[in-house]
Amino acid sequence: MSEALTLDTRGHTALLTFTNPPAHTWTPESLNELVLIIEKLNVDKNNYALVLTGQGEKFFSAGADLNRFNHDDKGQAFEFAHAFGRGFEALANYNGVAIAAINGYAMGGGLEVALACDVRIAEPHAQMALPEAGVGLLPCGMGSQQLAWLVGEQWAKRMILLGERLSAKQALAIGLISEVVEAGSVVEQALLLATKVEKQSPTSVRYCKELIMAAREQPLNSNFSTERELFVKLWDSQDQKEGVAAFVEKRPPLWKNA
């Protein structure tokens, strides 16, 4: 692991902490490392969930260090943009459930990494924005696409085109986050949410997530048959057999993630 990212294991949950002070900014190197982390977790049969947070109380992540953009080299610009897209796309396609524990400012790429997660919760003092257009840039970590899908076109335009910054309360009201938790407790609460994932079949979660994400890109009725196909495909898994057997036998299931 680099100094910018720290990965810990809590049972079936991985805890990824951004540790690049003072504002936990992203670099092409740390974004490429994120891809490697996700790839590693995707083949780990014991991993069901991933919690992401920033070290300390002030910043979740402030995105990219603008000093890295103060040049005329389009090659460098492409490298950075490609790293953002590749890193956050890998996170969006993570096999398990990714939970963003937003402990402070989530700005630019710092909000985009949260948008790539499945669930977002935040502490009361957290603030969220995509301010790139104010410095002559635009969100390049899928933010323009993810935000509009999650909160609708009007709020996406207010945040991106007008540069509006949202409080945790406002973010909750528009559905950008699902919960505001007590100050200092966001990681604990995210880990509690992750324990709920452990009760679900990881194979079923993976298929369900695939279906939910497919609804973003295709007409509603186009995945009706896929839903049925994946339902039947579960009969090829050990988890389907274990889940039903455990219910019938009135015991907790022992998932194999296979």
C-alpha atoms as a PDB file:
ATOM      1  CA  MET A   1       0.000   0.000   0.000  1.00  0.00           C
ATOM      2  CA  SER A   2       1.057   3.574  -0.646  1.00  0.00           C
ATOM      3  CA  GLU A   3       0.959   6.385   1.892  1.00  0.00           C
ATOM      4  CA  ALA A   4      -2.172   7.778   0.206  1.00  0.00           C
ATOM      5  CA  LEU A   5      -4.408   4.756   0.855  1.00  0.00           C
ATOM      6  CA  THR A   6      -4.658   2.429   3.831  1.00  0.00           C
ATOM      7  CA  LEU A   7      -6.581  -0.846   3.667  1.00  0.00           C
ATOM      8  CA  ASP A   8      -7.730  -2.761   6.748  1.00  0.00           C
ATOM      9  CA  THR A   9      -9.867  -5.872   7.094  1.00  0.00           C
ATOM     10  CA  ARG A  10     -12.806  -6.089   9.491  1.00  0.00           C
ATOM     11  CA  GLY A  11     -14.222  -9.577   9.078  1.00  0.00           C
ATOM     12  CA  HIS A  12     -15.892  -9.708   5.662  1.00  0.00           C
ATOM     13  CA  THR A  13     -15.515  -5.937   5.232  1.00  0.00           C
ATOM     14  CA  ALA A  14     -12.542  -3.990   3.896  1.00  0.00           C
ATOM     15  CA  LEU A  15     -11.984  -0.468   5.258  1.00  0.00           C
ATOM     16  CA  LEU A  16     -10.187   1.834   2.816  1.00  0.00           C
ATOM     17  CA  THR A  17      -8.969   5.096   4.378  1.00  0.00           C
ATOM     18  CA  PHE A  18      -7.705   8.040   2.368  1.00  0.00           C
ATOM     19  CA  THR A  19      -4.442   9.105   4.017  1.00  0.00           C
ATOM     20  CA  ASN A  20      -2.975  11.845   1.845  1.00  0.00           C
ATOM     21  CA  PRO A  21      -3.116  14.907   4.122  1.00  0.00           C
ATOM     22  CA  PRO A  22      -4.077  17.619   4.414  1.00  0.00           C
ATOM     23  CA  ALA A  23      -7.043  17.114   2.042  1.00  0.00           C
ATOM     24  CA  HIS A  24      -6.646  13.496   0.851  1.00  0.00           C
ATOM     25  CA  THR A  25      -6.249  14.494  -2.791  1.00  0.00           C
ATOM     26  CA  TRP A  26      -6.029  11.916  -5.560  1.00  0.00           C
ATOM     27  CA  THR A  27      -3.083  11.365  -7.883  1.00  0.00           C
ATOM     28  CA  PRO A  28      -2.797   9.128 -10.953  1.00  0.00           C
ATOM     29  CA  GLU A  29      -0.713   6.813  -8.780  1.00  0.00           C
ATOM     30  CA  SER A  30      -3.314   6.497  -6.011  1.00  0.00           C
ATOM     31  CA  LEU A  31      -6.121   6.109  -8.564  1.00  0.00           C
ATOM     32  CA  ASN A  32      -4.232   3.273 -10.243  1.00  0.00           C
ATOM     33  CA  GLU A  33      -3.712   1.754  -6.823  1.00  0.00           C
ATOM     34  CA  LEU A  34      -7.461   1.927  -6.224  1.00  0.00           C
ATOM     35  CA  VAL A  35      -7.959  -0.221  -9.320  1.00  0.00           C
ATOM     36  CA  LEU A  36      -5.533  -2.823  -7.963  1.00  0.00           C
ATOM     37  CA  ILE A  37      -7.302  -2.825  -4.587  1.00  0.00           C
ATOM     38  CA  ILE A  38     -10.695  -3.419  -6.213  1.00  0.00           C
ATOM     39  CA  GLU A  39      -9.280  -6.186  -8.401  1.00  0.00           C
ATOM     40  CA  LYS A  40      -7.835  -7.850  -5.315  1.00  0.00           C
ATOM     41  CA  LEU A  41     -11.103  -7.600  -3.382  1.00  0.00           C
ATOM     42  CA  ASN A  42     -13.096  -8.963  -6.320  1.00  0.00           C
ATOM     43  CA  VAL A  43     -11.220 -12.273  -6.157  1.00  0.00           C
ATOM     44  CA  ASP A  44     -11.257 -12.464  -2.351  1.00  0.00           C
ATOM     45  CA  LYS A  45     -14.038 -14.904  -1.446  1.00  0.00           C
ATOM     46  CA  ASN A  46     -14.065 -13.585   2.126  1.00  0.00           C
ATOM     47  CA  ASN A  47     -14.775  -9.996   1.120  1.00  0.00           C
ATOM     48  CA  TYR A  48     -18.402  -8.864   0.922  1.00  0.00           C
ATOM     49  CA  ALA A  49     -18.261  -5.091   1.496  1.00  0.00           C
ATOM     50  CA  LEU A  50     -15.978  -2.063   1.260  1.00  0.00           C
ATOM     51  CA  VAL A  51     -16.169   1.088   3.407  1.00  0.00           C
ATOM     52  CA  LEU A  52     -14.339   4.204   2.199  1.00  0.00           C
ATOM     53  CA  THR A  53     -13.538   7.228   4.371  1.00  0.00           C
ATOM     54  CA  GLY A  54     -11.017  10.003   4.911  1.00  0.00           C
ATOM     55  CA  GLN A  55      -8.580  10.145   7.799  1.00  0.00           C
ATOM     56  CA  GLY A  56      -9.371  12.802  10.391  1.00  0.00           C
ATOM     57  CA  GLU A  57     -12.417  15.003  10.883  1.00  0.00           C
ATOM     58  CA  LYS A  58     -12.224  17.647   8.133  1.00  0.00           C
ATOM     59  CA  PHE A  59     -11.817  15.986   4.742  1.00  0.00           C
ATOM     60  CA  PHE A  60     -13.316  12.942   3.107  1.00  0.00           C
ATOM     61  CA  SER A  61     -11.397  13.949  -0.024  1.00  0.00           C
ATOM     62  CA  ALA A  62     -10.868  17.240  -1.853  1.00  0.00           C
ATOM     63  CA  GLY A  63     -10.420  15.519  -5.219  1.00  0.00           C
ATOM     64  CA  ALA A  64      -7.368  16.415  -7.269  1.00  0.00           C
ATOM     65  CA  ASP A  65      -4.556  18.765  -6.313  1.00  0.00           C
ATOM     66  CA  LEU A  66      -4.997  21.670  -8.752  1.00  0.00           C
ATOM     67  CA  ASN A  67      -1.219  22.159  -8.815  1.00  0.00           C
ATOM     68  CA  ARG A  68      -1.192  19.003 -10.941  1.00  0.00           C
ATOM     69  CA  PHE A  69      -3.288  20.822 -13.574  1.00  0.00           C
ATOM     70  CA  ASN A  70      -1.288  24.047 -13.747  1.00  0.00           C
ATOM     71  CA  HIS A  71       0.444  23.277 -17.076  1.00  0.00           C
ATOM     72  CA  ASP A  72      -0.135  23.108 -20.836  1.00  0.00           C
ATOM     73  CA  ASP A  73       0.594  19.394 -21.263  1.00  0.00           C
ATOM     74  CA  LYS A  74      -2.497  17.697 -22.704  1.00  0.00           C
ATOM     75  CA  GLY A  75      -0.772  14.338 -22.373  1.00  0.00           C
ATOM     76  CA  GLN A  76      -0.592  14.756 -18.602  1.00  0.00           C
ATOM     77  CA  ALA A  77      -4.198  15.928 -18.565  1.00  0.00           C
ATOM     78  CA  PHE A  78      -5.296  12.793 -20.425  1.00  0.00           C
ATOM     79  CA  GLU A  79      -3.301  10.568 -18.077  1.00  0.00           C
ATOM     80  CA  PHE A  80      -4.974  12.104 -15.035  1.00  0.00           C
ATOM     81  CA  ALA A  81      -8.490  12.028 -16.538  1.00  0.00           C
ATOM     82  CA  HIS A  82      -8.015   8.420 -17.646  1.00  0.00           C
ATOM     83  CA  ALA A  83      -6.858   7.469 -14.142  1.00  0.00           C
ATOM     84  CA  PHE A  84      -9.918   9.111 -12.577  1.00  0.00           C
ATOM     85  CA  GLY A  85     -12.268   7.320 -14.949  1.00  0.00           C
ATOM     86  CA  ARG A  86     -10.543   3.960 -14.645  1.00  0.00           C
ATOM     87  CA  GLY A  87     -10.327   4.162 -10.838  1.00  0.00           C
ATOM     88  CA  PHE A  88     -13.916   5.154 -10.175  1.00  0.00           C
ATOM     89  CA  GLU A  89     -15.312   2.840 -12.849  1.00  0.00           C
ATOM     90  CA  ALA A  90     -13.543  -0.041 -11.118  1.00  0.00           C
ATOM     91  CA  LEU A  91     -15.132   1.035  -7.840  1.00  0.00           C
ATOM     92  CA  ALA A  92     -18.598   1.299  -9.430  1.00  0.00           C
ATOM     93  CA  ASN A  93     -18.170  -2.263 -10.771  1.00  0.00           C
ATOM     94  CA  TYR A  94     -16.889  -3.692  -7.465  1.00  0.00           C
ATOM     95  CA  ASN A  95     -18.502  -7.097  -6.820  1.00  0.00           C
ATOM     96  CA  GLY A  96     -19.525  -6.306  -3.243  1.00  0.00           C
ATOM     97  CA  VAL A  97     -21.310  -3.371  -1.631  1.00  0.00           C
ATOM     98  CA  ALA A  98     -19.290  -0.138  -1.432  1.00  0.00           C
ATOM     99  CA  ILE A  99     -20.265   2.330   1.297  1.00  0.00           C
ATOM    100  CA  ALA A 100     -18.937   5.898   1.396  1.00  0.00           C
ATOM    101  CA  ALA A 101     -18.522   7.147   4.981  1.00  0.00           C
ATOM    102  CA  ILE A 102     -18.321  10.884   4.290  1.00  0.00           C
ATOM    103  CA  ASN A 103     -16.618  12.420   7.312  1.00  0.00           C
ATOM    104  CA  GLY A 104     -16.040  15.944   5.958  1.00  0.00           C
ATOM    105  CA  TYR A 105     -15.526  17.876   2.732  1.00  0.00           C
ATOM    106  CA  ALA A 106     -16.158  15.784  -0.408  1.00  0.00           C
ATOM    107  CA  MET A 107     -15.170  18.029  -3.294  1.00  0.00           C
ATOM    108  CA  GLY A 108     -14.667  17.322  -6.986  1.00  0.00           C
ATOM    109  CA  GLY A 109     -13.053  13.916  -7.337  1.00  0.00           C
ATOM    110  CA  GLY A 110     -13.682  13.468  -3.628  1.00  0.00           C
ATOM    111  CA  LEU A 111     -17.412  13.509  -4.275  1.00  0.00           C
ATOM    112  CA  GLU A 112     -17.012  11.446  -7.437  1.00  0.00           C
ATOM    113  CA  VAL A 113     -15.459   8.569  -5.495  1.00  0.00           C
ATOM    114  CA  ALA A 114     -18.490   8.652  -3.193  1.00  0.00           C
ATOM    115  CA  LEU A 115     -20.822   8.732  -6.201  1.00  0.00           C
ATOM    116  CA  ALA A 116     -19.179   5.529  -7.451  1.00  0.00           C
ATOM    117  CA  CYS A 117     -20.197   3.773  -4.221  1.00  0.00           C
ATOM    118  CA  ASP A 118     -23.502   1.951  -3.708  1.00  0.00           C
ATOM    119  CA  VAL A 119     -24.445   3.688  -0.448  1.00  0.00           C
ATOM    120  CA  ARG A 120     -23.446   7.079   0.956  1.00  0.00           C
ATOM    121  CA  ILE A 121     -23.833   8.320   4.524  1.00  0.00           C
ATOM    122  CA  ALA A 122     -22.386  11.487   6.044  1.00  0.00           C
ATOM    123  CA  GLU A 123     -21.722  13.382   9.247  1.00  0.00           C
ATOM    124  CA  PRO A 124     -23.622  16.673   9.843  1.00  0.00           C
ATOM    125  CA  HIS A 125     -20.669  18.932   9.032  1.00  0.00           C
ATOM    126  CA  ALA A 126     -19.925  17.253   5.693  1.00  0.00           C
ATOM    127  CA  GLN A 127     -20.165  19.356   2.544  1.00  0.00           C
ATOM    128  CA  MET A 128     -20.352  18.144  -1.042  1.00  0.00           C
ATOM    129  CA  ALA A 129     -19.656  19.855  -4.360  1.00  0.00           C
ATOM    130  CA  LEU A 130     -18.461  19.424  -7.935  1.00  0.00           C
ATOM    131  CA  PRO A 131     -16.772  22.826  -8.367  1.00  0.00           C
ATOM    132  CA  GLU A 132     -14.629  22.021 -11.415  1.00  0.00           C
ATOM    133  CA  ALA A 133     -16.278  24.495 -13.813  1.00  0.00           C
ATOM    134  CA  GLY A 134     -15.279  27.325 -11.464  1.00  0.00           C
ATOM    135  CA  VAL A 135     -11.616  26.690 -12.279  1.00  0.00           C
ATOM    136  CA  GLY A 136     -12.073  26.001 -15.983  1.00  0.00           C
ATOM    137  CA  LEU A 137     -12.351  22.230 -15.670  1.00  0.00           C
ATOM    138  CA  LEU A 138     -15.134  19.617 -15.557  1.00  0.00           C
ATOM    139  CA  PRO A 139     -15.773  16.435 -13.548  1.00  0.00           C
ATOM    140  CA  CYS A 140     -13.797  13.654 -15.243  1.00  0.00           C
ATOM    141  CA  GLY A 141     -14.381  10.821 -12.760  1.00  0.00           C
ATOM    142  CA  MET A 142     -17.881  10.091 -14.076  1.00  0.00           C
ATOM    143  CA  GLY A 143     -19.378  12.828 -11.890  1.00  0.00           C
ATOM    144  CA  SER A 144     -21.444  14.484 -14.622  1.00  0.00           C
ATOM    145  CA  GLN A 145     -23.054  11.121 -15.348  1.00  0.00           C
ATOM    146  CA  GLN A 146     -23.404   9.635 -11.861  1.00  0.00           C
ATOM    147  CA  LEU A 147     -24.755  12.765 -10.189  1.00  0.00           C
ATOM    148  CA  ALA A 148     -27.503  13.377 -12.745  1.00  0.00           C
ATOM    149  CA  TRP A 149     -28.633   9.762 -12.454  1.00  0.00           C
ATOM    150  CA  LEU A 150     -28.734   9.861  -8.658  1.00  0.00           C
ATOM    151  CA  VAL A 151     -30.329  13.243  -7.967  1.00  0.00           C
ATOM    152  CA  GLY A 152     -31.889  14.268 -11.283  1.00  0.00           C
ATOM    153  CA  GLU A 153     -30.897  16.765 -13.933  1.00  0.00           C
ATOM    154  CA  GLN A 154     -31.963  19.920 -12.065  1.00  0.00           C
ATOM    155  CA  TRP A 155     -29.799  19.341  -8.985  1.00  0.00           C
ATOM    156  CA  ALA A 156     -26.929  18.027 -11.071  1.00  0.00           C
ATOM    157  CA  LYS A 157     -27.005  21.256 -13.068  1.00  0.00           C
ATOM    158  CA  ARG A 158     -27.162  23.390  -9.935  1.00  0.00           C
ATOM    159  CA  MET A 159     -24.140  21.638  -8.479  1.00  0.00           C
ATOM    160  CA  ILE A 160     -22.079  21.410 -11.673  1.00  0.00           C
ATOM    161  CA  LEU A 161     -23.155  24.433 -13.738  1.00  0.00           C
ATOM    162  CA  LEU A 162     -23.776  26.832 -10.855  1.00  0.00           C
ATOM    163  CA  GLY A 163     -21.112  25.401  -8.550  1.00  0.00           C
ATOM    164  CA  GLU A 164     -23.482  25.031  -5.592  1.00  0.00           C
ATOM    165  CA  ARG A 165     -22.089  23.370  -2.492  1.00  0.00           C
ATOM    166  CA  LEU A 166     -24.471  21.217  -0.449  1.00  0.00           C
ATOM    167  CA  SER A 167     -24.618  20.584   3.278  1.00  0.00           C
ATOM    168  CA  ALA A 168     -25.269  17.084   4.562  1.00  0.00           C
ATOM    169  CA  LYS A 169     -28.872  18.092   5.270  1.00  0.00           C
ATOM    170  CA  GLN A 170     -29.381  19.276   1.693  1.00  0.00           C
ATOM    171  CA  ALA A 171     -27.651  16.189   0.293  1.00  0.00           C
ATOM    172  CA  LEU A 172     -30.035  13.993   2.284  1.00  0.00           C
ATOM    173  CA  ALA A 173     -33.064  15.923   1.047  1.00  0.00           C
ATOM    174  CA  ILE A 174     -32.222  15.337  -2.625  1.00  0.00           C
ATOM    175  CA  GLY A 175     -31.146  11.709  -2.196  1.00  0.00           C
ATOM    176  CA  LEU A 176     -27.430  12.239  -2.713  1.00  0.00           C
ATOM    177  CA  ILE A 177     -26.828  10.493   0.607  1.00  0.00           C
ATOM    178  CA  SER A 178     -29.119   8.083   2.444  1.00  0.00           C
ATOM    179  CA  GLU A 179     -28.451   9.110   6.055  1.00  0.00           C
ATOM    180  CA  VAL A 180     -26.898  11.777   8.256  1.00  0.00           C
ATOM    181  CA  VAL A 181     -25.282  10.245  11.319  1.00  0.00           C
ATOM    182  CA  GLU A 182     -23.873  11.649  14.545  1.00  0.00           C
ATOM    183  CA  ALA A 183     -20.580  13.512  14.270  1.00  0.00           C
ATOM    184  CA  GLY A 184     -17.599  11.212  14.723  1.00  0.00           C
ATOM    185  CA  SER A 185     -19.635   8.049  14.110  1.00  0.00           C
ATOM    186  CA  VAL A 186     -19.738   7.724  10.324  1.00  0.00           C
ATOM    187  CA  VAL A 187     -17.177   4.922  10.017  1.00  0.00           C
ATOM    188  CA  GLU A 188     -18.810   2.976  12.834  1.00  0.00           C
ATOM    189  CA  GLN A 189     -22.224   3.393  11.215  1.00  0.00           C
ATOM    190  CA  ALA A 190     -20.882   2.395   7.806  1.00  0.00           C
ATOM    191  CA  LEU A 191     -19.344  -0.742   9.287  1.00  0.00           C
ATOM    192  CA  LEU A 192     -22.710  -1.543  10.889  1.00  0.00           C
ATOM    193  CA  LEU A 193     -24.342  -1.238   7.480  1.00  0.00           C
ATOM    194  CA  ALA A 194     -21.684  -3.574   6.121  1.00  0.00           C
ATOM    195  CA  THR A 195     -22.685  -6.219   8.669  1.00  0.00           C
ATOM    196  CA  LYS A 196     -26.098  -6.260   6.999  1.00  0.00           C
ATOM    197  CA  VAL A 197     -24.361  -7.191   3.754  1.00  0.00           C
ATOM    198  CA  GLU A 198     -22.864 -10.225   5.493  1.00  0.00           C
ATOM    199  CA  LYS A 199     -26.375 -11.626   5.976  1.00  0.00           C
ATOM    200  CA  GLN A 200     -26.996 -11.541   2.231  1.00  0.00           C
ATOM    201  CA  SER A 201     -25.752 -14.099  -0.256  1.00  0.00           C
ATOM    202  CA  PRO A 202     -22.701 -12.499  -1.913  1.00  0.00           C
ATOM    203  CA  THR A 203     -23.586 -14.255  -5.163  1.00  0.00           C
ATOM    204  CA  SER A 204     -27.118 -12.857  -5.072  1.00  0.00           C
ATOM    205  CA  VAL A 205     -25.801  -9.396  -4.174  1.00  0.00           C
ATOM    206  CA  ARG A 206     -23.475  -9.468  -7.172  1.00  0.00           C
ATOM    207  CA  TYR A 207     -26.273 -10.424  -9.571  1.00  0.00           C
ATOM    208  CA  CYS A 208     -28.718  -7.927  -8.029  1.00  0.00           C
ATOM    209  CA  LYS A 209     -26.189  -5.123  -8.301  1.00  0.00           C
ATOM    210  CA  GLU A 210     -25.591  -6.006 -11.950  1.00  0.00           C
ATOM    211  CA  LEU A 211     -29.331  -5.767 -12.643  1.00  0.00           C
ATOM    212  CA  ILE A 212     -29.788  -2.496 -10.751  1.00  0.00           C
ATOM    213  CA  MET A 213     -26.871  -0.870 -12.581  1.00  0.00           C
ATOM    214  CA  ALA A 214     -28.140  -2.148 -15.945  1.00  0.00           C
ATOM    215  CA  ALA A 215     -31.322  -0.130 -15.440  1.00  0.00           C
ATOM    216  CA  ARG A 216     -29.251   3.046 -15.882  1.00  0.00           C
ATOM    217  CA  GLU A 217     -28.238   2.197 -19.411  1.00  0.00           C
ATOM    218  CA  GLN A 218     -31.106   0.240 -20.942  1.00  0.00           C
ATOM    219  CA  PRO A 219     -34.902   0.502 -21.229  1.00  0.00           C
ATOM    220  CA  LEU A 220     -36.732  -0.930 -18.235  1.00  0.00           C
ATOM    221  CA  ASN A 221     -38.177  -3.910 -20.088  1.00  0.00           C
ATOM    222  CA  SER A 222     -34.871  -4.897 -21.694  1.00  0.00           C
ATOM    223  CA  ASN A 223     -33.634  -6.574 -18.505  1.00  0.00           C
ATOM    224  CA  PHE A 224     -36.819  -8.429 -17.559  1.00  0.00           C
ATOM    225  CA  SER A 225     -35.552 -11.586 -19.284  1.00  0.00           C
ATOM    226  CA  THR A 226     -32.037 -11.072 -17.871  1.00  0.00           C
ATOM    227  CA  GLU A 227     -33.507 -10.929 -14.379  1.00  0.00           C
ATOM    228  CA  ARG A 228     -35.138 -14.329 -14.892  1.00  0.00           C
ATOM    229  CA  GLU A 229     -31.989 -15.764 -16.471  1.00  0.00           C
ATOM    230  CA  LEU A 230     -29.829 -14.689 -13.533  1.00  0.00           C
ATOM    231  CA  PHE A 231     -32.418 -16.082 -11.110  1.00  0.00           C
ATOM    232  CA  VAL A 232     -32.062 -19.502 -12.715  1.00  0.00           C
ATOM    233  CA  LYS A 233     -28.281 -19.096 -12.944  1.00  0.00           C
ATOM    234  CA  LEU A 234     -28.181 -18.897  -9.138  1.00  0.00           C
ATOM    235  CA  TRP A 235     -28.914 -22.639  -9.134  1.00  0.00           C
ATOM    236  CA  ASP A 236     -25.313 -23.093 -10.328  1.00  0.00           C
ATOM    237  CA  SER A 237     -24.064 -21.493  -7.097  1.00  0.00           C
ATOM    238  CA  GLN A 238     -23.347 -22.982  -3.705  1.00  0.00           C
ATOM    239  CA  ASP A 239     -24.847 -19.930  -2.035  1.00  0.00           C
ATOM    240  CA  GLN A 240     -28.319 -20.602  -3.459  1.00  0.00           C
ATOM    241  CA  LYS A 241     -28.321 -24.112  -2.079  1.00  0.00           C
ATOM    242  CA  GLU A 242     -26.934 -22.972   1.278  1.00  0.00           C
ATOM    243  CA  GLY A 243     -29.343 -20.061   1.612  1.00  0.00           C
ATOM    244  CA  VAL A 244     -32.479 -22.079   1.042  1.00  0.00           C
ATOM    245  CA  ALA A 245     -31.227 -24.995   3.140  1.00  0.00           C
ATOM    246  CA  ALA A 246     -30.349 -22.682   6.039  1.00  0.00           C
ATOM    247  CA  PHE A 247     -33.821 -21.132   5.940  1.00  0.00           C
ATOM    248  CA  VAL A 248     -35.534 -24.523   5.896  1.00  0.00           C
ATOM    249  CA  GLU A 249     -33.272 -25.787   8.702  1.00  0.00           C
ATOM    250  CA  LYS A 250     -33.781 -22.564  10.718  1.00  0.00           C
ATOM    251  CA  ARG A 251     -30.075 -21.700  11.012  1.00  0.00           C
ATOM    252  CA  PRO A 252     -27.826 -18.859   9.841  1.00  0.00           C
ATOM    253  CA  PRO A 253     -26.388 -19.443   6.359  1.00  0.00           C
ATOM    254  CA  LEU A 254     -22.683 -20.020   5.843  1.00  0.00           C
ATOM    255  CA  TRP A 255     -21.922 -18.268   2.579  1.00  0.00           C
ATOM    256  CA  LYS A 256     -19.232 -19.571   0.239  1.00  0.00           C
ATOM    257  CA  ASN A 257     -19.284 -16.595  -2.173  1.00  0.00           C
ATOM    258  CA  ALA A 258     -19.412 -19.146  -4.945  1.00  0.00           C
END
